[in-house]
C-alpha atoms as a PDB file:
ATOM      1  CA  UNK A   1       0.000   0.000   0.000  1.00  0.00           C
ATOM      2  CA  UNK A   2       1.139   3.518  -0.729  1.00  0.00           C
ATOM      3  CA  UNK A   3       0.398   5.936   2.077  1.00  0.00           C
ATOM      4  CA  UNK A   4       1.571   9.466   1.529  1.00  0.00           C
ATOM      5  CA  UNK A   5       2.338  11.843   4.397  1.00  0.00           C
ATOM      6  CA  UNK A   6       0.082  14.899   4.521  1.00  0.00           C
ATOM      7  CA  UNK A   7       2.947  17.383   4.207  1.00  0.00           C
ATOM      8  CA  UNK A   8       4.676  15.703   1.260  1.00  0.00           C
ATOM      9  CA  UNK A   9       4.182  16.933  -2.285  1.00  0.00           C
ATOM     10  CA  UNK A  10       4.822  13.705  -4.161  1.00  0.00           C
ATOM     11  CA  UNK A  11       4.065  10.027  -3.691  1.00  0.00           C
ATOM     12  CA  UNK A  12       6.537   7.253  -3.135  1.00  0.00           C
ATOM     13  CA  UNK A  13       5.800   3.818  -4.511  1.00  0.00           C
ATOM     14  CA  UNK A  14       7.373   1.083  -2.406  1.00  0.00           C
ATOM     15  CA  UNK A  15       7.758  -2.630  -3.061  1.00  0.00           C
ATOM     16  CA  UNK A  16       7.553  -4.586   0.180  1.00  0.00           C
ATOM     17  CA  UNK A  17       9.222  -7.989  -0.030  1.00  0.00           C
ATOM     18  CA  UNK A  18       6.875  -9.241   2.701  1.00  0.00           C
ATOM     19  CA  UNK A  19       3.928  -8.480   0.402  1.00  0.00           C
ATOM     20  CA  UNK A  20       4.992 -11.028  -2.202  1.00  0.00           C
ATOM     21  CA  UNK A  21       2.078 -13.281  -1.248  1.00  0.00           C
ATOM     22  CA  UNK A  22      -0.484 -10.481  -1.120  1.00  0.00           C
ATOM     23  CA  UNK A  23      -1.650 -11.111  -4.690  1.00  0.00           C
ATOM     24  CA  UNK A  24      -1.742  -8.774  -7.631  1.00  0.00           C
ATOM     25  CA  UNK A  25      -1.821  -5.006  -7.289  1.00  0.00           C
ATOM     26  CA  UNK A  26      -2.493  -1.838  -9.221  1.00  0.00           C
ATOM     27  CA  UNK A  27      -1.790   1.850  -8.862  1.00  0.00           C
ATOM     28  CA  UNK A  28      -4.796   4.113  -8.303  1.00  0.00           C
ATOM     29  CA  UNK A  29      -4.779   7.824  -9.152  1.00  0.00           C
ATOM     30  CA  UNK A  30      -7.685  10.257  -9.234  1.00  0.00           C
ATOM     31  CA  UNK A  31      -8.505  13.465 -11.070  1.00  0.00           C
ATOM     32  CA  UNK A  32     -11.474  15.682 -10.216  1.00  0.00           C
ATOM     33  CA  UNK A  33     -13.175  18.081 -12.613  1.00  0.00           C
ATOM     34  CA  UNK A  34     -15.635  20.954 -12.306  1.00  0.00           C
ATOM     35  CA  UNK A  35     -15.725  21.139  -8.524  1.00  0.00           C
ATOM     36  CA  UNK A  36     -18.539  23.321  -7.208  1.00  0.00           C
ATOM     37  CA  UNK A  37     -19.221  24.209  -3.602  1.00  0.00           C
ATOM     38  CA  UNK A  38     -21.506  27.148  -2.879  1.00  0.00           C
ATOM     39  CA  UNK A  39     -21.011  27.295   0.875  1.00  0.00           C
ATOM     40  CA  UNK A  40     -17.404  28.520   0.678  1.00  0.00           C
ATOM     41  CA  UNK A  41     -16.237  31.419   2.834  1.00  0.00           C
ATOM     42  CA  UNK A  42     -13.420  32.092   0.368  1.00  0.00           C
ATOM     43  CA  UNK A  43     -13.574  32.539  -3.386  1.00  0.00           C
ATOM     44  CA  UNK A  44     -11.477  29.498  -4.237  1.00  0.00           C
ATOM     45  CA  UNK A  45     -11.559  25.756  -3.619  1.00  0.00           C
ATOM     46  CA  UNK A  46      -8.658  24.327  -1.622  1.00  0.00           C
ATOM     47  CA  UNK A  47      -9.281  20.632  -2.052  1.00  0.00           C
ATOM     48  CA  UNK A  48      -7.799  17.329  -1.018  1.00  0.00           C
ATOM     49  CA  UNK A  49      -9.102  13.766  -1.144  1.00  0.00           C
ATOM     50  CA  UNK A  50      -9.052  10.681   1.060  1.00  0.00           C
ATOM     51  CA  UNK A  51      -9.235   7.158  -0.363  1.00  0.00           C
ATOM     52  CA  UNK A  52     -10.934   4.395   1.651  1.00  0.00           C
ATOM     53  CA  UNK A  53     -11.595   0.709   0.967  1.00  0.00           C
ATOM     54  CA  UNK A  54     -14.387  -1.656   1.989  1.00  0.00           C
ATOM     55  CA  UNK A  55     -13.397  -5.272   1.367  1.00  0.00           C
ATOM     56  CA  UNK A  56     -16.270  -7.559   2.367  1.00  0.00           C
ATOM     57  CA  UNK A  57     -19.600  -5.969   1.570  1.00  0.00           C
ATOM     58  CA  UNK A  58     -21.686  -3.190   3.161  1.00  0.00           C
ATOM     59  CA  UNK A  59     -21.428  -4.598   6.696  1.00  0.00           C
ATOM     60  CA  UNK A  60     -17.639  -4.309   6.870  1.00  0.00           C
ATOM     61  CA  UNK A  61     -15.717  -1.232   7.991  1.00  0.00           C
ATOM     62  CA  UNK A  62     -13.948   1.239   5.701  1.00  0.00           C
ATOM     63  CA  UNK A  63     -10.151   1.121   5.728  1.00  0.00           C
ATOM     64  CA  UNK A  64      -8.180   4.329   5.047  1.00  0.00           C
ATOM     65  CA  UNK A  65      -5.632   3.881   2.251  1.00  0.00           C
ATOM     66  CA  UNK A  66      -4.304   7.433   2.394  1.00  0.00           C
ATOM     67  CA  UNK A  67      -4.897  11.062   1.534  1.00  0.00           C
ATOM     68  CA  UNK A  68      -3.634  13.551  -0.994  1.00  0.00           C
ATOM     69  CA  UNK A  69      -2.012  16.920  -0.440  1.00  0.00           C
ATOM     70  CA  UNK A  70      -4.079  20.102  -0.648  1.00  0.00           C
ATOM     71  CA  UNK A  71      -4.289  21.760  -4.053  1.00  0.00           C
ATOM     72  CA  UNK A  72      -5.245  25.377  -3.631  1.00  0.00           C
ATOM     73  CA  UNK A  73      -7.606  27.412  -5.766  1.00  0.00           C
ATOM     74  CA  UNK A  74      -8.114  24.837  -8.523  1.00  0.00           C
ATOM     75  CA  UNK A  75     -11.595  23.584  -9.528  1.00  0.00           C
ATOM     76  CA  UNK A  76     -10.025  20.795 -11.651  1.00  0.00           C
ATOM     77  CA  UNK A  77      -7.361  19.242  -9.409  1.00  0.00           C
ATOM     78  CA  UNK A  78      -5.312  16.259 -10.571  1.00  0.00           C
ATOM     79  CA  UNK A  79      -3.605  14.818  -7.545  1.00  0.00           C
ATOM     80  CA  UNK A  80      -0.079  13.426  -8.038  1.00  0.00           C
ATOM     81  CA  UNK A  81      -0.433  10.884  -5.243  1.00  0.00           C
ATOM     82  CA  UNK A  82      -0.734   7.205  -6.095  1.00  0.00           C
ATOM     83  CA  UNK A  83      -2.158   4.379  -3.964  1.00  0.00           C
ATOM     84  CA  UNK A  84      -1.167   0.752  -4.329  1.00  0.00           C
ATOM     85  CA  UNK A  85      -4.205  -1.535  -4.073  1.00  0.00           C
ATOM     86  CA  UNK A  86      -3.765  -5.294  -3.627  1.00  0.00           C
ATOM     87  CA  UNK A  87      -6.432  -7.729  -4.810  1.00  0.00           C
ATOM     88  CA  UNK A  88      -7.008 -11.434  -5.423  1.00  0.00           C
ATOM     89  CA  UNK A  89      -8.198 -12.387  -8.879  1.00  0.00           C
ATOM     90  CA  UNK A  90     -10.539 -15.140  -7.654  1.00  0.00           C
ATOM     91  CA  UNK A  91     -12.218 -13.110  -4.899  1.00  0.00           C
ATOM     92  CA  UNK A  92     -15.556 -11.304  -5.173  1.00  0.00           C
ATOM     93  CA  UNK A  93     -14.222  -7.975  -6.398  1.00  0.00           C
ATOM     94  CA  UNK A  94     -17.698  -6.559  -6.991  1.00  0.00           C
ATOM     95  CA  UNK A  95     -18.128  -6.241  -3.195  1.00  0.00           C
ATOM     96  CA  UNK A  96     -14.649  -4.743  -2.822  1.00  0.00           C
ATOM     97  CA  UNK A  97     -15.293  -0.984  -2.980  1.00  0.00           C
ATOM     98  CA  UNK A  98     -13.126   2.120  -3.087  1.00  0.00           C
ATOM     99  CA  UNK A  99     -14.482   5.450  -1.870  1.00  0.00           C
ATOM    100  CA  UNK A 100     -13.069   8.920  -2.515  1.00  0.00           C
ATOM    101  CA  UNK A 101     -14.138  11.781  -0.239  1.00  0.00           C
ATOM    102  CA  UNK A 102     -13.225  15.242  -1.495  1.00  0.00           C
ATOM    103  CA  UNK A 103     -12.787  17.982   1.114  1.00  0.00           C
ATOM    104  CA  UNK A 104     -12.451  21.758   1.090  1.00  0.00           C
ATOM    105  CA  UNK A 105      -9.896  23.206   3.519  1.00  0.00           C
ATOM    106  CA  UNK A 106     -10.974  26.653   4.676  1.00  0.00           C
ATOM    107  CA  UNK A 107      -8.268  29.341   4.594  1.00  0.00           C
ATOM    108  CA  UNK A 108      -7.249  30.463   8.059  1.00  0.00           C
ATOM    109  CA  UNK A 109      -9.780  28.207   9.780  1.00  0.00           C
ATOM    110  CA  UNK A 110      -9.319  24.888  11.498  1.00  0.00           C
ATOM    111  CA  UNK A 111     -12.260  22.969  10.054  1.00  0.00           C
ATOM    112  CA  UNK A 112     -13.063  21.354   6.709  1.00  0.00           C
ATOM    113  CA  UNK A 113     -16.129  20.765   4.560  1.00  0.00           C
ATOM    114  CA  UNK A 114     -17.049  17.671   2.551  1.00  0.00           C
ATOM    115  CA  UNK A 115     -17.502  18.631  -1.107  1.00  0.00           C
ATOM    116  CA  UNK A 116     -18.591  15.237  -2.413  1.00  0.00           C
ATOM    117  CA  UNK A 117     -18.236  11.451  -2.323  1.00  0.00           C
ATOM    118  CA  UNK A 118     -17.729   8.904  -5.117  1.00  0.00           C
ATOM    119  CA  UNK A 119     -17.498   5.092  -5.028  1.00  0.00           C
ATOM    120  CA  UNK A 120     -16.259   2.478  -7.482  1.00  0.00           C
ATOM    121  CA  UNK A 121     -15.685  -1.283  -7.286  1.00  0.00           C
ATOM    122  CA  UNK A 122     -12.219  -2.796  -7.521  1.00  0.00           C
ATOM    123  CA  UNK A 123     -13.634  -5.157 -10.144  1.00  0.00           C
ATOM    124  CA  UNK A 124     -14.482  -2.286 -12.492  1.00  0.00           C
ATOM    125  CA  UNK A 125     -11.000  -0.796 -12.156  1.00  0.00           C
ATOM    126  CA  UNK A 126      -9.350  -4.179 -12.807  1.00  0.00           C
ATOM    127  CA  UNK A 127     -11.457  -4.650 -15.946  1.00  0.00           C
ATOM    128  CA  UNK A 128     -10.562  -1.191 -17.268  1.00  0.00           C
ATOM    129  CA  UNK A 129      -6.814  -0.993 -16.632  1.00  0.00           C
ATOM    130  CA  UNK A 130      -5.240   1.788 -18.697  1.00  0.00           C
ATOM    131  CA  UNK A 131      -8.448   3.760 -19.200  1.00  0.00           C
ATOM    132  CA  UNK A 132     -10.136   6.474 -17.181  1.00  0.00           C
ATOM    133  CA  UNK A 133     -13.428   5.667 -15.486  1.00  0.00           C
ATOM    134  CA  UNK A 134     -15.570   8.732 -14.806  1.00  0.00           C
ATOM    135  CA  UNK A 135     -17.952   8.802 -11.836  1.00  0.00           C
ATOM    136  CA  UNK A 136     -20.151  11.593 -10.500  1.00  0.00           C
ATOM    137  CA  UNK A 137     -19.031  13.239  -7.271  1.00  0.00           C
ATOM    138  CA  UNK A 138     -22.158  13.563  -5.117  1.00  0.00           C
ATOM    139  CA  UNK A 139     -22.791  15.790  -2.128  1.00  0.00           C
ATOM    140  CA  UNK A 140     -23.205  13.924   1.127  1.00  0.00           C
ATOM    141  CA  UNK A 141     -26.747  14.992   2.107  1.00  0.00           C
ATOM    142  CA  UNK A 142     -28.510  16.335  -0.971  1.00  0.00           C
ATOM    143  CA  UNK A 143     -26.935  13.834  -3.431  1.00  0.00           C
ATOM    144  CA  UNK A 144     -26.565  16.684  -5.906  1.00  0.00           C
ATOM    145  CA  UNK A 145     -23.665  16.571  -8.362  1.00  0.00           C
ATOM    146  CA  UNK A 146     -20.645  18.494  -7.039  1.00  0.00           C
ATOM    147  CA  UNK A 147     -18.346  17.552  -9.919  1.00  0.00           C
ATOM    148  CA  UNK A 148     -16.939  14.445 -11.563  1.00  0.00           C
ATOM    149  CA  UNK A 149     -14.003  12.224 -10.725  1.00  0.00           C
ATOM    150  CA  UNK A 150     -11.818  10.124 -13.021  1.00  0.00           C
ATOM    151  CA  UNK A 151     -10.361   6.902 -11.606  1.00  0.00           C
ATOM    152  CA  UNK A 152      -7.232   5.563 -13.297  1.00  0.00           C
ATOM    153  CA  UNK A 153      -5.898   2.090 -12.512  1.00  0.00           C
ATOM    154  CA  UNK A 154      -2.599   0.690 -13.793  1.00  0.00           C
ATOM    155  CA  UNK A 155      -1.323  -2.827 -13.191  1.00  0.00           C
ATOM    156  CA  UNK A 156       1.890  -2.955 -11.167  1.00  0.00           C
ATOM    157  CA  UNK A 157       4.723  -5.486 -11.448  1.00  0.00           C
ATOM    158  CA  UNK A 158       4.817  -8.151  -8.745  1.00  0.00           C
ATOM    159  CA  UNK A 159       8.419  -7.475  -7.848  1.00  0.00           C
ATOM    160  CA  UNK A 160      10.567  -4.370  -7.642  1.00  0.00           C
ATOM    161  CA  UNK A 161      11.367  -3.085 -11.160  1.00  0.00           C
ATOM    162  CA  UNK A 162      14.926  -2.724 -12.296  1.00  0.00           C
ATOM    163  CA  UNK A 163      16.433   0.596 -11.266  1.00  0.00           C
ATOM    164  CA  UNK A 164      13.577   1.390  -8.895  1.00  0.00           C
ATOM    165  CA  UNK A 165      16.022   2.313  -6.129  1.00  0.00           C
ATOM    166  CA  UNK A 166      17.611   5.086  -8.177  1.00  0.00           C
ATOM    167  CA  UNK A 167      16.603   8.442  -6.701  1.00  0.00           C
ATOM    168  CA  UNK A 168      16.692  11.780  -8.517  1.00  0.00           C
ATOM    169  CA  UNK A 169      17.399  14.772  -6.298  1.00  0.00           C
ATOM    170  CA  UNK A 170      16.078  17.800  -8.212  1.00  0.00           C
ATOM    171  CA  UNK A 171      17.152  21.398  -7.681  1.00  0.00           C
ATOM    172  CA  UNK A 172      15.250  23.459 -10.263  1.00  0.00           C
ATOM    173  CA  UNK A 173      15.448  27.191 -10.968  1.00  0.00           C
ATOM    174  CA  UNK A 174      13.739  29.188 -13.719  1.00  0.00           C
ATOM    175  CA  UNK A 175      14.808  32.517 -15.184  1.00  0.00           C
ATOM    176  CA  UNK A 176      12.081  35.147 -15.564  1.00  0.00           C
ATOM    177  CA  UNK A 177      12.488  37.803 -18.276  1.00  0.00           C
ATOM    178  CA  UNK A 178      11.233  41.316 -17.700  1.00  0.00           C
ATOM    179  CA  UNK A 179       8.343  42.830 -19.660  1.00  0.00           C
ATOM    180  CA  UNK A 180       8.541  46.213 -21.371  1.00  0.00           C
ATOM    181  CA  UNK A 181       6.632  47.854 -18.526  1.00  0.00           C
ATOM    182  CA  UNK A 182       9.276  46.745 -16.034  1.00  0.00           C
ATOM    183  CA  UNK A 183       7.186  44.043 -14.363  1.00  0.00           C
ATOM    184  CA  UNK A 184       8.448  40.484 -14.139  1.00  0.00           C
ATOM    185  CA  UNK A 185       6.674  37.670 -15.888  1.00  0.00           C
ATOM    186  CA  UNK A 186       5.598  34.419 -14.259  1.00  0.00           C
ATOM    187  CA  UNK A 187       6.025  35.733 -10.709  1.00  0.00           C
ATOM    188  CA  UNK A 188       3.686  32.972  -9.493  1.00  0.00           C
ATOM    189  CA  UNK A 189       4.958  29.773 -11.070  1.00  0.00           C
ATOM    190  CA  UNK A 190       4.644  26.068 -10.325  1.00  0.00           C
ATOM    191  CA  UNK A 191       6.124  22.911 -11.822  1.00  0.00           C
ATOM    192  CA  UNK A 192       4.329  19.694 -12.802  1.00  0.00           C
ATOM    193  CA  UNK A 193       6.163  16.464 -13.689  1.00  0.00           C
ATOM    194  CA  UNK A 194       4.185  13.837 -15.610  1.00  0.00           C
ATOM    195  CA  UNK A 195       4.934  10.349 -16.916  1.00  0.00           C
ATOM    196  CA  UNK A 196       3.588   8.726 -20.059  1.00  0.00           C
ATOM    197  CA  UNK A 197       1.075   5.936 -19.549  1.00  0.00           C
ATOM    198  CA  UNK A 198       0.422   2.901 -21.729  1.00  0.00           C
ATOM    199  CA  UNK A 199      -2.451   4.692 -23.483  1.00  0.00           C
ATOM    200  CA  UNK A 200      -0.153   7.670 -24.302  1.00  0.00           C
ATOM    201  CA  UNK A 201      -1.890   9.945 -21.798  1.00  0.00           C
ATOM    202  CA  UNK A 202       0.044  11.700 -19.064  1.00  0.00           C
ATOM    203  CA  UNK A 203      -0.155  10.990 -15.332  1.00  0.00           C
ATOM    204  CA  UNK A 204       1.143  13.479 -12.771  1.00  0.00           C
ATOM    205  CA  UNK A 205       3.853  12.259 -10.386  1.00  0.00           C
ATOM    206  CA  UNK A 206       4.832  15.604  -8.842  1.00  0.00           C
ATOM    207  CA  UNK A 207       3.347  19.068  -8.455  1.00  0.00           C
ATOM    208  CA  UNK A 208       5.320  21.790  -6.717  1.00  0.00           C
ATOM    209  CA  UNK A 209       4.027  24.561  -4.534  1.00  0.00           C
ATOM    210  CA  UNK A 210       3.444  27.941  -6.164  1.00  0.00           C
ATOM    211  CA  UNK A 211       6.628  30.020  -5.936  1.00  0.00           C
ATOM    212  CA  UNK A 212       6.091  33.771  -5.602  1.00  0.00           C
ATOM    213  CA  UNK A 213       9.482  35.134  -4.575  1.00  0.00           C
ATOM    214  CA  UNK A 214      12.164  36.176  -7.062  1.00  0.00           C
ATOM    215  CA  UNK A 215      15.932  36.154  -6.545  1.00  0.00           C
ATOM    216  CA  UNK A 216      18.122  38.677  -8.384  1.00  0.00           C
ATOM    217  CA  UNK A 217      20.564  36.936 -10.735  1.00  0.00           C
ATOM    218  CA  UNK A 218      21.716  39.430 -13.358  1.00  0.00           C
ATOM    219  CA  UNK A 219      20.726  43.083 -13.240  1.00  0.00           C
ATOM    220  CA  UNK A 220      22.499  43.962 -16.482  1.00  0.00           C
ATOM    221  CA  UNK A 221      20.269  41.561 -18.431  1.00  0.00           C
ATOM    222  CA  UNK A 222      17.179  42.408 -16.372  1.00  0.00           C
ATOM    223  CA  UNK A 223      16.695  38.821 -15.315  1.00  0.00           C
ATOM    224  CA  UNK A 224      15.449  37.358 -12.068  1.00  0.00           C
ATOM    225  CA  UNK A 225      15.165  33.751 -11.005  1.00  0.00           C
ATOM    226  CA  UNK A 226      12.487  31.630  -9.372  1.00  0.00           C
ATOM    227  CA  UNK A 227      13.928  28.851  -7.200  1.00  0.00           C
ATOM    228  CA  UNK A 228      11.737  25.837  -6.487  1.00  0.00           C
ATOM    229  CA  UNK A 229      11.959  23.869  -3.266  1.00  0.00           C
ATOM    230  CA  UNK A 230      14.269  20.840  -3.766  1.00  0.00           C
ATOM    231  CA  UNK A 231      12.485  17.503  -4.099  1.00  0.00           C
ATOM    232  CA  UNK A 232      13.250  13.842  -4.733  1.00  0.00           C
ATOM    233  CA  UNK A 233      11.645  11.294  -7.042  1.00  0.00           C
ATOM    234  CA  UNK A 234      12.588   7.677  -7.614  1.00  0.00           C
ATOM    235  CA  UNK A 235      12.921   6.086 -11.024  1.00  0.00           C
ATOM    236  CA  UNK A 236      10.125   3.662 -10.116  1.00  0.00           C
ATOM    237  CA  UNK A 237       7.739   6.596  -9.968  1.00  0.00           C
ATOM    238  CA  UNK A 238       8.638   7.498 -13.552  1.00  0.00           C
ATOM    239  CA  UNK A 239       8.447   4.121 -15.263  1.00  0.00           C
ATOM    240  CA  UNK A 240       6.526   1.744 -12.912  1.00  0.00           C
ATOM    241  CA  UNK A 241       8.612  -1.228 -14.024  1.00  0.00           C
ATOM    242  CA  UNK A 242       8.297  -0.436 -17.728  1.00  0.00           C
ATOM    243  CA  UNK A 243      10.991   0.689 -20.131  1.00  0.00           C
ATOM    244  CA  UNK A 244      13.174   3.568 -18.883  1.00  0.00           C
ATOM    245  CA  UNK A 245      12.649   5.123 -22.319  1.00  0.00           C
ATOM    246  CA  UNK A 246       9.074   5.975 -21.358  1.00  0.00           C
ATOM    247  CA  UNK A 247       8.698   9.741 -21.710  1.00  0.00           C
ATOM    248  CA  UNK A 248       8.655  12.239 -18.839  1.00  0.00           C
ATOM    249  CA  UNK A 249       7.310  15.764 -19.160  1.00  0.00           C
ATOM    250  CA  UNK A 250       8.329  18.844 -17.164  1.00  0.00           C
ATOM    251  CA  UNK A 251       5.600  21.492 -17.489  1.00  0.00           C
ATOM    252  CA  UNK A 252       5.774  25.006 -16.071  1.00  0.00           C
ATOM    253  CA  UNK A 253       2.629  26.987 -15.320  1.00  0.00           C
ATOM    254  CA  UNK A 254       1.770  30.490 -14.252  1.00  0.00           C
ATOM    255  CA  UNK A 255      -0.873  30.386 -11.547  1.00  0.00           C
ATOM    256  CA  UNK A 256      -4.131  31.829 -12.802  1.00  0.00           C
ATOM    257  CA  UNK A 257      -6.114  34.362 -10.884  1.00  0.00           C
ATOM    258  CA  UNK A 258      -8.653  33.000  -8.442  1.00  0.00           C
ATOM    259  CA  UNK A 259     -11.200  30.935 -10.315  1.00  0.00           C
ATOM    260  CA  UNK A 260      -9.342  31.229 -13.659  1.00  0.00           C
ATOM    261  CA  UNK A 261      -7.382  28.428 -15.399  1.00  0.00           C
ATOM    262  CA  UNK A 262      -3.619  28.265 -15.053  1.00  0.00           C
ATOM    263  CA  UNK A 263      -1.456  29.450 -17.946  1.00  0.00           C
ATOM    264  CA  UNK A 264       0.984  26.976 -19.467  1.00  0.00           C
ATOM    265  CA  UNK A 265       4.379  28.612 -19.911  1.00  0.00           C
ATOM    266  CA  UNK A 266       6.096  25.751 -21.707  1.00  0.00           C
ATOM    267  CA  UNK A 267       7.294  22.171 -21.394  1.00  0.00           C
ATOM    268  CA  UNK A 268      10.261  19.831 -21.760  1.00  0.00           C
ATOM    269  CA  UNK A 269       9.910  16.178 -22.742  1.00  0.00           C
ATOM    270  CA  UNK A 270      12.659  13.682 -21.869  1.00  0.00           C
ATOM    271  CA  UNK A 271      12.970  10.196 -20.322  1.00  0.00           C
ATOM    272  CA  UNK A 272      14.328   8.554 -17.178  1.00  0.00           C
ATOM    273  CA  UNK A 273      17.053   6.952 -19.274  1.00  0.00           C
ATOM    274  CA  UNK A 274      18.166  10.309 -20.615  1.00  0.00           C
ATOM    275  CA  UNK A 275      18.206  11.863 -17.146  1.00  0.00           C
ATOM    276  CA  UNK A 276      20.469   9.036 -15.973  1.00  0.00           C
ATOM    277  CA  UNK A 277      22.824   8.785 -18.927  1.00  0.00           C
ATOM    278  CA  UNK A 278      22.700  11.496 -21.570  1.00  0.00           C
ATOM    279  CA  UNK A 279      21.739  14.633 -19.683  1.00  0.00           C
ATOM    280  CA  UNK A 280      25.331  15.781 -19.237  1.00  0.00           C
ATOM    281  CA  UNK A 281      26.559  19.244 -18.296  1.00  0.00           C
ATOM    282  CA  UNK A 282      27.363  20.251 -21.885  1.00  0.00           C
ATOM    283  CA  UNK A 283      23.902  19.478 -23.271  1.00  0.00           C
ATOM    284  CA  UNK A 284      20.465  20.973 -22.852  1.00  0.00           C
ATOM    285  CA  UNK A 285      16.887  20.225 -23.850  1.00  0.00           C
ATOM    286  CA  UNK A 286      14.460  22.339 -25.837  1.00  0.00           C
ATOM    287  CA  UNK A 287      11.922  24.266 -23.777  1.00  0.00           C
ATOM    288  CA  UNK A 288       8.834  24.373 -25.977  1.00  0.00           C
ATOM    289  CA  UNK A 289       5.622  26.362 -26.152  1.00  0.00           C
ATOM    290  CA  UNK A 290       3.359  24.798 -28.774  1.00  0.00           C
ATOM    291  CA  UNK A 291       5.805  24.235 -31.656  1.00  0.00           C
ATOM    292  CA  UNK A 292       8.210  27.053 -30.788  1.00  0.00           C
ATOM    293  CA  UNK A 293      11.506  26.788 -28.919  1.00  0.00           C
ATOM    294  CA  UNK A 294      11.443  29.572 -26.329  1.00  0.00           C
ATOM    295  CA  UNK A 295      14.289  28.500 -24.056  1.00  0.00           C
ATOM    296  CA  UNK A 296      16.600  25.762 -22.870  1.00  0.00           C
ATOM    297  CA  UNK A 297      16.442  23.301 -20.002  1.00  0.00           C
ATOM    298  CA  UNK A 298      20.070  22.918 -18.930  1.00  0.00           C
ATOM    299  CA  UNK A 299      21.769  20.734 -16.339  1.00  0.00           C
ATOM    300  CA  UNK A 300      24.366  23.060 -14.799  1.00  0.00           C
ATOM    301  CA  UNK A 301      25.687  20.541 -12.265  1.00  0.00           C
ATOM    302  CA  UNK A 302      25.340  16.810 -11.705  1.00  0.00           C
ATOM    303  CA  UNK A 303      26.645  14.595  -8.939  1.00  0.00           C
ATOM    304  CA  UNK A 304      26.087  10.912  -8.172  1.00  0.00           C
ATOM    305  CA  UNK A 305      26.431   9.205  -4.811  1.00  0.00           C
ATOM    306  CA  UNK A 306      25.342   5.595  -4.307  1.00  0.00           C
ATOM    307  CA  UNK A 307      21.759   5.454  -5.666  1.00  0.00           C
ATOM    308  CA  UNK A 308      21.166   9.216  -5.669  1.00  0.00           C
ATOM    309  CA  UNK A 309      21.583  11.329  -8.792  1.00  0.00           C
ATOM    310  CA  UNK A 310      21.558  15.035  -7.982  1.00  0.00           C
ATOM    311  CA  UNK A 311      20.552  17.372 -10.813  1.00  0.00           C
ATOM    312  CA  UNK A 312      20.839  21.159 -10.639  1.00  0.00           C
ATOM    313  CA  UNK A 313      18.648  22.332 -13.510  1.00  0.00           C
ATOM    314  CA  UNK A 314      18.130  25.848 -14.818  1.00  0.00           C
ATOM    315  CA  UNK A 315      15.425  26.977 -17.199  1.00  0.00           C
ATOM    316  CA  UNK A 316      16.611  29.886 -19.336  1.00  0.00           C
ATOM    317  CA  UNK A 317      14.441  31.898 -21.704  1.00  0.00           C
ATOM    318  CA  UNK A 318      15.719  33.218 -25.011  1.00  0.00           C
ATOM    319  CA  UNK A 319      15.440  36.987 -25.314  1.00  0.00           C
ATOM    320  CA  UNK A 320      14.818  36.700 -29.043  1.00  0.00           C
ATOM    321  CA  UNK A 321      14.569  34.252 -31.912  1.00  0.00           C
ATOM    322  CA  UNK A 322      18.051  35.357 -32.929  1.00  0.00           C
ATOM    323  CA  UNK A 323      19.507  34.133 -29.657  1.00  0.00           C
ATOM    324  CA  UNK A 324      17.716  30.802 -30.093  1.00  0.00           C
ATOM    325  CA  UNK A 325      19.223  30.362 -33.576  1.00  0.00           C
ATOM    326  CA  UNK A 326      22.726  31.246 -32.367  1.00  0.00           C
ATOM    327  CA  UNK A 327      22.624  28.683 -29.582  1.00  0.00           C
ATOM    328  CA  UNK A 328      21.308  26.009 -31.915  1.00  0.00           C
ATOM    329  CA  UNK A 329      24.120  26.715 -34.388  1.00  0.00           C
ATOM    330  CA  UNK A 330      26.707  26.058 -31.688  1.00  0.00           C
ATOM    331  CA  UNK A 331      25.650  22.441 -31.678  1.00  0.00           C
ATOM    332  CA  UNK A 332      25.316  22.259 -27.907  1.00  0.00           C
ATOM    333  CA  UNK A 333      21.621  21.562 -27.909  1.00  0.00           C
ATOM    334  CA  UNK A 334      20.274  18.031 -27.664  1.00  0.00           C
ATOM    335  CA  UNK A 335      17.706  17.448 -30.384  1.00  0.00           C
ATOM    336  CA  UNK A 336      14.686  15.400 -29.338  1.00  0.00           C
ATOM    337  CA  UNK A 337      11.407  14.288 -30.844  1.00  0.00           C
ATOM    338  CA  UNK A 338       8.852  16.355 -28.931  1.00  0.00           C
ATOM    339  CA  UNK A 339       5.688  15.286 -30.742  1.00  0.00           C
ATOM    340  CA  UNK A 340       3.883  14.764 -27.450  1.00  0.00           C
ATOM    341  CA  UNK A 341       0.115  14.162 -27.423  1.00  0.00           C
END
């Protein structure tokens, strides 16, 4: 079972050798859309979810599998946390239920409100591995629709995948160019890391906090830098026992105003294999917005100690298309196929 601490911002998938006889298992992730809750004291929805399981019919008790972190001011939260669910193929999976309870955390207050509840059987998730199953999120008393929730189940390998103990220690910073009016762009930025699934969709494995503070880097070029809080991810969280060539996406967003969608700044697509082997100090990756190269994703320092690979990564924006062409002509860029879905 995966149980994530409340304060953590990413999930850690663990393979317990003692669980070898526990049967098959799958990874459960949830995404909620169109949350609505009229009784809010604030203008935004600060939501998190708990996942519970009922194994033996309606008379048995609910078992808590874990809870997600709070995602602030987002009516369409996709939680990066994953939960490992064990099951036996020959058991009555139709009576084995999973329940998601979505909560709103009030700003500055100590209590919470239930937004809605959704249930699904383990049998249905097992039958639909690799696809999203959408269920209505219903309010507790009135049974009115408070949104919809997508359940995503993926089969997990029985034993620890190769390379699963390799840990990436990320230290990420992003340059922020200045606008003509003197204000700095992307002053409220957050980072999302996603992995490619079997069906070519993307599943979130990490979402950073929103960073608001800027650090002065170069006054002559009118550039400031946003520094994200360091974090760690294991290779198992990227590939789940599949090929290390499976793609990974780093997406940067500007936080939208309250109630408005977030603005995608750009993205980088790579793989766990490339992060381990090819992402050397003298190479960089294209930072893309739509089909345009607007910057470079460069590894400025890399160290390895035992099973930990430490990456100090900087995101630099090009001041003009001319600068982008000049850097490409130097032959120091790593060319990749970025035809991501």
